C-alpha cells in the first residue's frame, strides 16, 4: 500500500469530514495497522491515559487530531506533506 493510500485511509477513518468515506478495507487496514502503531508508539504521551500529556496533543480521539497541539495541527487534511503526525511517523 502506498504512503498516500495509507494516509488517505487514516484520515478518512479518523477525520471523516476531511476525506472521502473510508471503505471497509480501509477501516480494516486502519484497525489492523494504524491504530496498533498509534497505541504502541504515541498513546503513552498523547492520550487521555498519559501520565503527562506532551505538547498538548491527543491522538486518541478525532477532536485531538483536528485541534492539534502546541506545535500546530497534527493532520492537515488533503496535505499529508504538511501533517506533523506524518513527519513524526517517518
PDB file of N, CA and C in Angstrom:
ATOM      1  N   UNK A   1       0.860  -1.173   0.000  1.00  0.00           N
ATOM      2  CA  UNK A   1       0.000   0.000   0.000  1.00  0.00           C
ATOM      3  C   UNK A   1       0.901   1.229   0.000  1.00  0.00           C
ATOM      4  N   UNK A   2       0.592   2.189  -0.859  1.00  0.00           N
ATOM      5  CA  UNK A   2       1.396   3.401  -0.935  1.00  0.00           C
ATOM      6  C   UNK A   2       1.178   4.267   0.294  1.00  0.00           C
ATOM      7  N   UNK A   3       2.146   5.135   0.569  1.00  0.00           N
ATOM      8  CA  UNK A   3       2.022   6.038   1.710  1.00  0.00           C
ATOM      9  C   UNK A   3       0.789   6.923   1.538  1.00  0.00           C
ATOM     10  N   UNK A   4       0.539   7.379   0.321  1.00  0.00           N
ATOM     11  CA  UNK A   4      -0.626   8.225   0.077  1.00  0.00           C
ATOM     12  C   UNK A   4      -1.916   7.479   0.421  1.00  0.00           C
ATOM     13  N   UNK A   5      -2.020   6.225   0.016  1.00  0.00           N
ATOM     14  CA  UNK A   5      -3.216   5.422   0.314  1.00  0.00           C
ATOM     15  C   UNK A   5      -3.327   5.195   1.815  1.00  0.00           C
ATOM     16  N   UNK A   6      -2.207   4.944   2.456  1.00  0.00           N
ATOM     17  CA  UNK A   6      -2.185   4.757   3.893  1.00  0.00           C
ATOM     18  C   UNK A   6      -2.704   6.002   4.599  1.00  0.00           C
ATOM     19  N   UNK A   7      -2.242   7.170   4.177  1.00  0.00           N
ATOM     20  CA  UNK A   7      -2.682   8.425   4.786  1.00  0.00           C
ATOM     21  C   UNK A   7      -4.151   8.675   4.526  1.00  0.00           C
ATOM     22  N   UNK A   8      -4.588   8.421   3.311  1.00  0.00           N
ATOM     23  CA  UNK A   8      -5.999   8.595   2.994  1.00  0.00           C
ATOM     24  C   UNK A   8      -6.847   7.706   3.884  1.00  0.00           C
ATOM     25  N   UNK A   9      -6.409   6.486   4.068  1.00  0.00           N
ATOM     26  CA  UNK A   9      -7.115   5.551   4.941  1.00  0.00           C
ATOM     27  C   UNK A   9      -7.180   6.099   6.359  1.00  0.00           C
ATOM     28  N   UNK A  10      -6.051   6.546   6.873  1.00  0.00           N
ATOM     29  CA  UNK A  10      -6.017   7.065   8.242  1.00  0.00           C
ATOM     30  C   UNK A  10      -6.884   8.304   8.371  1.00  0.00           C
ATOM     31  N   UNK A  11      -6.788   9.239   7.432  1.00  0.00           N
ATOM     32  CA  UNK A  11      -7.558  10.473   7.503  1.00  0.00           C
ATOM     33  C   UNK A  11      -9.041  10.195   7.352  1.00  0.00           C
ATOM     34  N   UNK A  12      -9.390   9.318   6.433  1.00  0.00           N
ATOM     35  CA  UNK A  12     -10.807   9.022   6.213  1.00  0.00           C
ATOM     36  C   UNK A  12     -11.420   8.345   7.424  1.00  0.00           C
ATOM     37  N   UNK A  13     -10.634   7.550   8.101  1.00  0.00           N
ATOM     38  CA  UNK A  13     -11.134   6.842   9.276  1.00  0.00           C
ATOM     39  C   UNK A  13     -11.248   7.764  10.478  1.00  0.00           C
ATOM     40  N   UNK A  14     -10.271   8.626  10.653  1.00  0.00           N
ATOM     41  CA  UNK A  14     -10.238   9.470  11.841  1.00  0.00           C
ATOM     42  C   UNK A  14     -10.882  10.826  11.604  1.00  0.00           C
ATOM     43  N   UNK A  15     -10.756  11.365  10.410  1.00  0.00           N
ATOM     44  CA  UNK A  15     -11.317  12.673  10.088  1.00  0.00           C
ATOM     45  C   UNK A  15     -12.305  12.536   8.934  1.00  0.00           C
ATOM     46  N   UNK A  16     -13.438  11.897   9.139  1.00  0.00           N
ATOM     47  CA  UNK A  16     -14.344  11.614   8.039  1.00  0.00           C
ATOM     48  C   UNK A  16     -14.786  12.844   7.261  1.00  0.00           C
ATOM     49  N   UNK A  17     -14.918  13.984   7.885  1.00  0.00           N
ATOM     50  CA  UNK A  17     -15.368  15.166   7.164  1.00  0.00           C
ATOM     51  C   UNK A  17     -14.272  15.747   6.286  1.00  0.00           C
ATOM     52  N   UNK A  18     -13.027  15.319   6.467  1.00  0.00           N
ATOM     53  CA  UNK A  18     -11.915  15.884   5.728  1.00  0.00           C
ATOM     54  C   UNK A  18     -11.463  14.996   4.573  1.00  0.00           C
ATOM     55  N   UNK A  19     -12.066  13.839   4.402  1.00  0.00           N
ATOM     56  CA  UNK A  19     -11.634  12.907   3.386  1.00  0.00           C
ATOM     57  C   UNK A  19     -12.835  12.115   2.887  1.00  0.00           C
ATOM     58  N   UNK A  20     -12.702  11.488   1.714  1.00  0.00           N
ATOM     59  CA  UNK A  20     -13.782  10.637   1.229  1.00  0.00           C
ATOM     60  C   UNK A  20     -14.086   9.533   2.235  1.00  0.00           C
ATOM     61  N   UNK A  21     -15.272   8.997   2.151  1.00  0.00           N
ATOM     62  CA  UNK A  21     -15.674   7.934   3.070  1.00  0.00           C
ATOM     63  C   UNK A  21     -14.701   6.771   2.980  1.00  0.00           C
ATOM     64  N   UNK A  22     -14.382   6.216   4.112  1.00  0.00           N
ATOM     65  CA  UNK A  22     -13.475   5.073   4.162  1.00  0.00           C
ATOM     66  C   UNK A  22     -14.214   3.816   3.746  1.00  0.00           C
ATOM     67  N   UNK A  23     -13.556   3.010   2.948  1.00  0.00           N
ATOM     68  CA  UNK A  23     -14.133   1.734   2.550  1.00  0.00           C
ATOM     69  C   UNK A  23     -13.946   0.739   3.695  1.00  0.00           C
ATOM     70  N   UNK A  24     -14.693  -0.350   3.675  1.00  0.00           N
ATOM     71  CA  UNK A  24     -14.493  -1.376   4.703  1.00  0.00           C
ATOM     72  C   UNK A  24     -13.046  -1.874   4.754  1.00  0.00           C
ATOM     73  N   UNK A  25     -12.383  -1.996   3.593  1.00  0.00           N
ATOM     74  CA  UNK A  25     -10.991  -2.460   3.606  1.00  0.00           C
ATOM     75  C   UNK A  25     -10.070  -1.397   4.204  1.00  0.00           C
ATOM     76  N   UNK A  26     -10.386  -0.106   3.981  1.00  0.00           N
ATOM     77  CA  UNK A  26      -9.600   0.969   4.594  1.00  0.00           C
ATOM     78  C   UNK A  26      -9.744   0.936   6.112  1.00  0.00           C
ATOM     79  N   UNK A  27     -10.962   0.749   6.584  1.00  0.00           N
ATOM     80  CA  UNK A  27     -11.201   0.691   8.028  1.00  0.00           C
ATOM     81  C   UNK A  27     -10.481  -0.508   8.632  1.00  0.00           C
ATOM     82  N   UNK A  28     -10.554  -1.646   7.952  1.00  0.00           N
ATOM     83  CA  UNK A  28      -9.867  -2.844   8.440  1.00  0.00           C
ATOM     84  C   UNK A  28      -8.359  -2.612   8.489  1.00  0.00           C
ATOM     85  N   UNK A  29      -7.812  -1.949   7.468  1.00  0.00           N
ATOM     86  CA  UNK A  29      -6.380  -1.653   7.449  1.00  0.00           C
ATOM     87  C   UNK A  29      -6.013  -0.733   8.604  1.00  0.00           C
ATOM     88  N   UNK A  30      -6.816   0.300   8.825  1.00  0.00           N
ATOM     89  CA  UNK A  30      -6.567   1.235   9.928  1.00  0.00           C
ATOM     90  C   UNK A  30      -6.551   0.492  11.255  1.00  0.00           C
ATOM     91  N   UNK A  31      -7.553  -0.348  11.466  1.00  0.00           N
ATOM     92  CA  UNK A  31      -7.657  -1.072  12.733  1.00  0.00           C
ATOM     93  C   UNK A  31      -6.530  -2.086  12.907  1.00  0.00           C
ATOM     94  N   UNK A  32      -6.047  -2.666  11.812  1.00  0.00           N
ATOM     95  CA  UNK A  32      -5.001  -3.681  11.896  1.00  0.00           C
ATOM     96  C   UNK A  32      -3.598  -3.073  11.984  1.00  0.00           C
ATOM     97  N   UNK A  33      -3.359  -1.954  11.298  1.00  0.00           N
ATOM     98  CA  UNK A  33      -2.002  -1.426  11.202  1.00  0.00           C
ATOM     99  C   UNK A  33      -1.802  -0.050  11.852  1.00  0.00           C
ATOM    100  N   UNK A  34      -2.739   0.858  11.658  1.00  0.00           N
ATOM    101  CA  UNK A  34      -2.549   2.236  12.128  1.00  0.00           C
ATOM    102  C   UNK A  34      -2.830   2.363  13.623  1.00  0.00           C
ATOM    103  N   UNK A  35      -4.013   1.932  14.041  1.00  0.00           N
ATOM    104  CA  UNK A  35      -4.351   2.064  15.460  1.00  0.00           C
ATOM    105  C   UNK A  35      -3.329   1.347  16.357  1.00  0.00           C
ATOM    106  N   UNK A  36      -2.897   0.120  16.024  1.00  0.00           N
ATOM    107  CA  UNK A  36      -1.888  -0.522  16.876  1.00  0.00           C
ATOM    108  C   UNK A  36      -0.567   0.264  16.926  1.00  0.00           C
ATOM    109  N   UNK A  37      -0.175   0.872  15.815  1.00  0.00           N
ATOM    110  CA  UNK A  37       1.057   1.671  15.807  1.00  0.00           C
ATOM    111  C   UNK A  37       0.897   2.899  16.698  1.00  0.00           C
ATOM    112  N   UNK A  38      -0.247   3.553  16.607  1.00  0.00           N
ATOM    113  CA  UNK A  38      -0.503   4.711  17.471  1.00  0.00           C
ATOM    114  C   UNK A  38      -0.517   4.273  18.933  1.00  0.00           C
ATOM    115  N   UNK A  39      -1.156   3.168  19.189  1.00  0.00           N
ATOM    116  CA  UNK A  39      -1.241   2.659  20.554  1.00  0.00           C
ATOM    117  C   UNK A  39       0.145   2.315  21.107  1.00  0.00           C
ATOM    118  N   UNK A  40       0.964   1.690  20.302  1.00  0.00           N
ATOM    119  CA  UNK A  40       2.284   1.258  20.749  1.00  0.00           C
ATOM    120  C   UNK A  40       3.286   2.403  20.863  1.00  0.00           C
ATOM    121  N   UNK A  41       3.144   3.430  20.012  1.00  0.00           N
ATOM    122  CA  UNK A  41       4.187   4.454  19.940  1.00  0.00           C
ATOM    123  C   UNK A  41       3.743   5.865  20.299  1.00  0.00           C
ATOM    124  N   UNK A  42       2.457   6.118  20.379  1.00  0.00           N
ATOM    125  CA  UNK A  42       2.008   7.501  20.555  1.00  0.00           C
ATOM    126  C   UNK A  42       1.125   7.724  21.778  1.00  0.00           C
ATOM    127  N   UNK A  43       0.262   6.781  22.074  1.00  0.00           N
ATOM    128  CA  UNK A  43      -0.737   6.999  23.123  1.00  0.00           C
ATOM    129  C   UNK A  43      -0.145   7.175  24.513  1.00  0.00           C
ATOM    130  N   UNK A  44       1.034   6.626  24.765  1.00  0.00           N
ATOM    131  CA  UNK A  44       1.632   6.764  26.088  1.00  0.00           C
ATOM    132  C   UNK A  44       1.792   8.243  26.465  1.00  0.00           C
ATOM    133  N   UNK A  45       2.067   9.078  25.475  1.00  0.00           N
ATOM    134  CA  UNK A  45       2.268  10.512  25.733  1.00  0.00           C
ATOM    135  C   UNK A  45       1.151  11.388  25.166  1.00  0.00           C
ATOM    136  N   UNK A  46       0.328  10.838  24.274  1.00  0.00           N
ATOM    137  CA  UNK A  46      -0.659  11.644  23.559  1.00  0.00           C
ATOM    138  C   UNK A  46      -2.064  11.043  23.626  1.00  0.00           C
ATOM    139  N   UNK A  47      -2.514  10.735  24.853  1.00  0.00           N
ATOM    140  CA  UNK A  47      -3.868  10.212  25.036  1.00  0.00           C
ATOM    141  C   UNK A  47      -4.386  10.616  26.411  1.00  0.00           C
ATOM    142  N   UNK A  48      -5.650  10.350  26.639  1.00  0.00           N
ATOM    143  CA  UNK A  48      -6.255  10.665  27.940  1.00  0.00           C
ATOM    144  C   UNK A  48      -5.573   9.880  29.053  1.00  0.00           C
ATOM    145  N   UNK A  49      -4.996   8.742  28.728  1.00  0.00           N
ATOM    146  CA  UNK A  49      -4.343   7.916  29.728  1.00  0.00           C
ATOM    147  C   UNK A  49      -2.895   8.290  30.008  1.00  0.00           C
ATOM    148  N   UNK A  50      -2.376   9.299  29.323  1.00  0.00           N
ATOM    149  CA  UNK A  50      -0.982   9.706  29.518  1.00  0.00           C
ATOM    150  C   UNK A  50      -0.781  10.269  30.917  1.00  0.00           C
ATOM    151  N   UNK A  51       0.345   9.916  31.519  1.00  0.00           N
ATOM    152  CA  UNK A  51       0.667  10.484  32.823  1.00  0.00           C
ATOM    153  C   UNK A  51       0.811  11.997  32.708  1.00  0.00           C
ATOM    154  N   UNK A  52       1.487  12.429  31.655  1.00  0.00           N
ATOM    155  CA  UNK A  52       1.616  13.850  31.360  1.00  0.00           C
ATOM    156  C   UNK A  52       1.447  14.013  29.856  1.00  0.00           C
ATOM    157  N   UNK A  53       0.429  14.742  29.447  1.00  0.00           N
ATOM    158  CA  UNK A  53       0.153  14.948  28.027  1.00  0.00           C
ATOM    159  C   UNK A  53       1.249  15.817  27.428  1.00  0.00           C
ATOM    160  N   UNK A  54       1.953  15.298  26.457  1.00  0.00           N
ATOM    161  CA  UNK A  54       3.060  16.034  25.846  1.00  0.00           C
ATOM    162  C   UNK A  54       2.567  16.916  24.705  1.00  0.00           C
ATOM    163  N   UNK A  55       3.009  18.148  24.739  1.00  0.00           N
ATOM    164  CA  UNK A  55       2.723  19.085  23.659  1.00  0.00           C
ATOM    165  C   UNK A  55       1.259  19.433  23.495  1.00  0.00           C
ATOM    166  N   UNK A  56       0.438  19.060  24.464  1.00  0.00           N
ATOM    167  CA  UNK A  56      -0.984  19.359  24.369  1.00  0.00           C
ATOM    168  C   UNK A  56      -1.697  18.593  23.261  1.00  0.00           C
ATOM    169  N   UNK A  57      -1.076  17.532  22.763  1.00  0.00           N
ATOM    170  CA  UNK A  57      -1.639  16.780  21.635  1.00  0.00           C
ATOM    171  C   UNK A  57      -2.239  15.467  22.093  1.00  0.00           C
ATOM    172  N   UNK A  58      -3.507  15.264  21.724  1.00  0.00           N
ATOM    173  CA  UNK A  58      -4.170  13.973  21.955  1.00  0.00           C
ATOM    174  C   UNK A  58      -4.469  13.326  20.614  1.00  0.00           C
ATOM    175  N   UNK A  59      -4.104  12.063  20.516  1.00  0.00           N
ATOM    176  CA  UNK A  59      -4.320  11.318  19.281  1.00  0.00           C
ATOM    177  C   UNK A  59      -5.320  10.183  19.450  1.00  0.00           C
ATOM    178  N   UNK A  60      -5.962  10.111  20.597  1.00  0.00           N
ATOM    179  CA  UNK A  60      -6.874   9.007  20.860  1.00  0.00           C
ATOM    180  C   UNK A  60      -8.330   9.345  20.577  1.00  0.00           C
ATOM    181  N   UNK A  61      -8.573  10.490  19.977  1.00  0.00           N
ATOM    182  CA  UNK A  61      -9.936  10.820  19.543  1.00  0.00           C
ATOM    183  C   UNK A  61      -9.865  11.844  18.405  1.00  0.00           C
ATOM    184  N   UNK A  62     -10.904  11.890  17.604  1.00  0.00           N
ATOM    185  CA  UNK A  62     -10.923  12.719  16.402  1.00  0.00           C
ATOM    186  C   UNK A  62     -10.661  14.187  16.703  1.00  0.00           C
ATOM    187  N   UNK A  63     -11.242  14.724  17.767  1.00  0.00           N
ATOM    188  CA  UNK A  63     -11.048  16.129  18.098  1.00  0.00           C
ATOM    189  C   UNK A  63      -9.590  16.479  18.330  1.00  0.00           C
ATOM    190  N   UNK A  64      -8.835  15.548  18.894  1.00  0.00           N
ATOM    191  CA  UNK A  64      -7.412  15.782  19.117  1.00  0.00           C
ATOM    192  C   UNK A  64      -6.631  15.898  17.822  1.00  0.00           C
ATOM    193  N   UNK A  65      -6.991  15.087  16.846  1.00  0.00           N
ATOM    194  CA  UNK A  65      -6.333  15.152  15.533  1.00  0.00           C
ATOM    195  C   UNK A  65      -6.644  16.486  14.864  1.00  0.00           C
ATOM    196  N   UNK A  66      -7.898  16.905  14.975  1.00  0.00           N
ATOM    197  CA  UNK A  66      -8.321  18.143  14.326  1.00  0.00           C
ATOM    198  C   UNK A  66      -7.705  19.367  14.992  1.00  0.00           C
ATOM    199  N   UNK A  67      -7.682  19.370  16.325  1.00  0.00           N
ATOM    200  CA  UNK A  67      -7.176  20.512  17.075  1.00  0.00           C
ATOM    201  C   UNK A  67      -5.657  20.628  17.001  1.00  0.00           C
ATOM    202  N   UNK A  68      -4.973  19.505  17.155  1.00  0.00           N
ATOM    203  CA  UNK A  68      -3.519  19.528  17.194  1.00  0.00           C
ATOM    204  C   UNK A  68      -3.025  19.836  18.589  1.00  0.00           C
ATOM    205  N   UNK A  69      -1.786  20.260  18.663  1.00  0.00           N
ATOM    206  CA  UNK A  69      -1.174  20.546  19.954  1.00  0.00           C
ATOM    207  C   UNK A  69      -0.451  21.877  19.927  1.00  0.00           C
ATOM    208  N   UNK A  70       0.479  22.039  20.831  1.00  0.00           N
ATOM    209  CA  UNK A  70       1.225  23.287  20.945  1.00  0.00           C
ATOM    210  C   UNK A  70       2.021  23.613  19.687  1.00  0.00           C
ATOM    211  N   UNK A  71       2.418  22.609  18.936  1.00  0.00           N
ATOM    212  CA  UNK A  71       3.204  22.819  17.710  1.00  0.00           C
ATOM    213  C   UNK A  71       2.341  22.970  16.469  1.00  0.00           C
ATOM    214  N   UNK A  72       1.040  22.947  16.631  1.00  0.00           N
ATOM    215  CA  UNK A  72       0.143  23.081  15.492  1.00  0.00           C
ATOM    216  C   UNK A  72      -0.670  21.828  15.254  1.00  0.00           C
ATOM    217  N   UNK A  73      -1.329  21.808  14.114  1.00  0.00           N
ATOM    218  CA  UNK A  73      -2.202  20.697  13.763  1.00  0.00           C
ATOM    219  C   UNK A  73      -1.397  19.429  13.509  1.00  0.00           C
ATOM    220  N   UNK A  74      -1.905  18.313  13.993  1.00  0.00           N
ATOM    221  CA  UNK A  74      -1.258  17.024  13.771  1.00  0.00           C
ATOM    222  C   UNK A  74      -1.492  16.549  12.343  1.00  0.00           C
ATOM    223  N   UNK A  75      -2.668  16.861  11.807  1.00  0.00           N
ATOM    224  CA  UNK A  75      -3.058  16.419  10.479  1.00  0.00           C
ATOM    225  C   UNK A  75      -3.612  17.612   9.721  1.00  0.00           C
ATOM    226  N   UNK A  76      -3.127  17.803   8.492  1.00  0.00           N
ATOM    227  CA  UNK A  76      -3.659  18.836   7.612  1.00  0.00           C
ATOM    228  C   UNK A  76      -4.390  18.101   6.492  1.00  0.00           C
ATOM    229  N   UNK A  77      -5.729  18.063   6.545  1.00  0.00           N
ATOM    230  CA  UNK A  77      -6.489  17.314   5.543  1.00  0.00           C
ATOM    231  C   UNK A  77      -6.127  17.725   4.115  1.00  0.00           C
ATOM    232  N   UNK A  78      -5.874  16.732   3.299  1.00  0.00           N
ATOM    233  CA  UNK A  78      -5.536  16.966   1.898  1.00  0.00           C
ATOM    234  C   UNK A  78      -4.085  17.356   1.670  1.00  0.00           C
ATOM    235  N   UNK A  79      -3.308  17.528   2.752  1.00  0.00           N
ATOM    236  CA  UNK A  79      -1.912  17.934   2.625  1.00  0.00           C
ATOM    237  C   UNK A  79      -1.031  17.088   3.552  1.00  0.00           C
ATOM    238  N   UNK A  80      -0.865  15.822   3.213  1.00  0.00           N
ATOM    239  CA  UNK A  80      -0.096  14.953   4.106  1.00  0.00           C
ATOM    240  C   UNK A  80       1.337  15.430   4.318  1.00  0.00           C
ATOM    241  N   UNK A  81       1.936  16.107   3.337  1.00  0.00           N
ATOM    242  CA  UNK A  81       3.301  16.592   3.492  1.00  0.00           C
ATOM    243  C   UNK A  81       3.398  17.668   4.572  1.00  0.00           C
ATOM    244  N   UNK A  82       2.283  18.318   4.893  1.00  0.00           N
ATOM    245  CA  UNK A  82       2.260  19.366   5.911  1.00  0.00           C
ATOM    246  C   UNK A  82       1.748  18.848   7.260  1.00  0.00           C
ATOM    247  N   UNK A  83       1.476  17.577   7.348  1.00  0.00           N
ATOM    248  CA  UNK A  83       0.926  16.976   8.550  1.00  0.00           C
ATOM    249  C   UNK A  83       2.048  16.549   9.486  1.00  0.00           C
ATOM    250  N   UNK A  84       2.102  17.149  10.652  1.00  0.00           N
ATOM    251  CA  UNK A  84       3.165  16.876  11.617  1.00  0.00           C
ATOM    252  C   UNK A  84       3.181  15.407  12.056  1.00  0.00           C
ATOM    253  N   UNK A  85       2.008  14.797  12.120  1.00  0.00           N
ATOM    254  CA  UNK A  85       1.957  13.387  12.512  1.00  0.00           C
ATOM    255  C   UNK A  85       2.691  12.517  11.499  1.00  0.00           C
ATOM    256  N   UNK A  86       2.513  12.807  10.223  1.00  0.00           N
ATOM    257  CA  UNK A  86       3.188  12.032   9.184  1.00  0.00           C
ATOM    258  C   UNK A  86       4.693  12.249   9.275  1.00  0.00           C
ATOM    259  N   UNK A  87       5.092  13.482   9.524  1.00  0.00           N
ATOM    260  CA  UNK A  87       6.516  13.792   9.715  1.00  0.00           C
ATOM    261  C   UNK A  87       7.086  12.986  10.870  1.00  0.00           C
ATOM    262  N   UNK A  88       6.344  12.912  11.959  1.00  0.00           N
ATOM    263  CA  UNK A  88       6.813  12.174  13.133  1.00  0.00           C
ATOM    264  C   UNK A  88       6.896  10.671  12.843  1.00  0.00           C
ATOM    265  N   UNK A  89       5.951  10.151  12.101  1.00  0.00           N
ATOM    266  CA  UNK A  89       5.949   8.726  11.779  1.00  0.00           C
ATOM    267  C   UNK A  89       7.123   8.370  10.874  1.00  0.00           C
ATOM    268  N   UNK A  90       7.408   9.245   9.945  1.00  0.00           N
ATOM    269  CA  UNK A  90       8.539   8.983   9.023  1.00  0.00           C
ATOM    270  C   UNK A  90       9.828   8.953   9.803  1.00  0.00           C
TER     271      UNK A  90
END
